[in-house]
Structures are given as structure tokens and as C-alpha cells.
């Protein structure tokens, strides 16, 4: 099964959010780097046309709520 570009984008965004969070916890991010800046830098050029801020927000909200419900 081959992933669609949107599925690839969701996977990359999710991974980017996780890496950003880890680097943030370790105080290892460049100064003034936002999650959006970080995610934008890791998206491959060939699927960048699929990227939009709403998708980043949606993935972030889902991941946050999914992790939050597992911790309770």
C-alpha cells in the first residue's frame, strides 16, 4: 500500500511535533523557533503543496488530545 501525499504530510507533521517537543523539553531549540517554523523546515519539497496551517493545527490538536486521554 502506498501512502497518499496527505497521509505522508500527516505523518511528517506528527513526527515534527514530537521532535519539536523533545527539543523544547531539552532547551535545545534555536531561539525564537516556533512549532510552525520547525515543521515547515522538515517538510520535503515534493509534498509541500499539501501543507497548510489548518492541517498542522488539526494534527497538533489530535496528538495532544490523544496523549492527554492516555495519561488519565
Protein backbone atom coordinates (compact mmCIF):
# COMPACT_ATOMS: atom_id res chain seq x y z
CA UNK A 1 0.00 0.00 0.00
CA UNK A 2 1.35 3.40 -0.96
CA UNK A 3 0.64 6.42 1.21
CA UNK A 4 -1.02 9.42 -0.37
CA UNK A 5 0.76 12.77 -0.15
CA UNK A 6 -1.73 13.90 2.51
CA UNK A 7 -1.03 10.79 4.59
CA UNK A 8 2.70 11.41 4.24
CA UNK A 9 2.16 15.02 5.30
CA UNK A 10 0.23 13.99 8.43
CA UNK A 11 2.99 11.53 9.37
CA UNK A 12 5.71 14.15 8.88
CA UNK A 13 3.79 16.81 10.82
CA UNK A 14 3.17 14.39 13.68
CA UNK A 15 6.83 13.41 13.78
CA UNK A 16 7.87 17.07 13.59
CA UNK A 17 5.66 17.96 16.54
CA UNK A 18 7.16 15.10 18.57
CA UNK A 19 10.75 16.10 17.76
CA UNK A 20 9.96 19.78 18.44
CA UNK A 21 8.52 18.84 21.84
CA UNK A 22 11.58 16.78 22.76
CA UNK A 23 13.99 19.53 21.73
CA UNK A 24 11.89 22.09 23.60
CA UNK A 25 12.00 19.99 26.79
CA UNK A 26 15.78 19.79 26.50
CA UNK A 27 16.15 23.53 25.77
CA UNK A 28 17.85 22.53 22.54
CA UNK A 29 15.87 24.60 20.01
CA UNK A 30 17.25 27.62 18.22
CA UNK A 31 16.00 30.81 19.86
CA UNK A 32 12.56 32.04 18.77
CA UNK A 33 11.74 28.86 16.82
CA UNK A 34 8.02 28.15 16.77
CA UNK A 35 6.47 24.76 16.16
CA UNK A 36 5.23 26.05 12.80
CA UNK A 37 8.72 27.18 11.77
CA UNK A 38 10.14 23.83 12.79
CA UNK A 39 7.51 21.82 10.91
CA UNK A 40 7.90 23.97 7.78
CA UNK A 41 11.61 23.21 7.68
CA UNK A 42 11.19 19.44 7.76
CA UNK A 43 8.55 19.09 5.02
CA UNK A 44 10.02 17.64 1.81
CA UNK A 45 9.66 19.96 -1.18
CA UNK A 46 7.82 17.37 -3.28
CA UNK A 47 4.80 17.38 -0.95
CA UNK A 48 4.98 20.93 0.44
CA UNK A 49 1.98 21.90 -1.71
CA UNK A 50 -0.18 19.74 0.59
CA UNK A 51 0.83 21.77 3.66
CA UNK A 52 -1.47 24.26 5.32
CA UNK A 53 -1.59 25.71 8.82
CA UNK A 54 -5.04 24.24 9.47
CA UNK A 55 -3.64 20.74 8.93
CA UNK A 56 -0.77 21.41 11.34
CA UNK A 57 -3.28 22.67 13.92
CA UNK A 58 -5.57 19.69 13.40
CA UNK A 59 -2.73 17.18 13.79
CA UNK A 60 -1.43 19.02 16.87
CA UNK A 61 -4.89 19.04 18.49
CA UNK A 62 -5.42 15.35 17.75
CA UNK A 63 -1.99 14.29 19.04
CA UNK A 64 -2.38 16.46 22.15
CA UNK A 65 -5.81 15.10 22.98
CA UNK A 66 -4.83 11.50 22.23
CA UNK A 67 -1.82 11.70 24.54
CA UNK A 68 -3.77 13.56 27.19
CA UNK A 69 -6.52 10.93 27.33
CA UNK A 70 -3.94 8.13 27.71
CA UNK A 71 -2.32 9.84 30.69
CA UNK A 72 -5.55 9.94 32.71
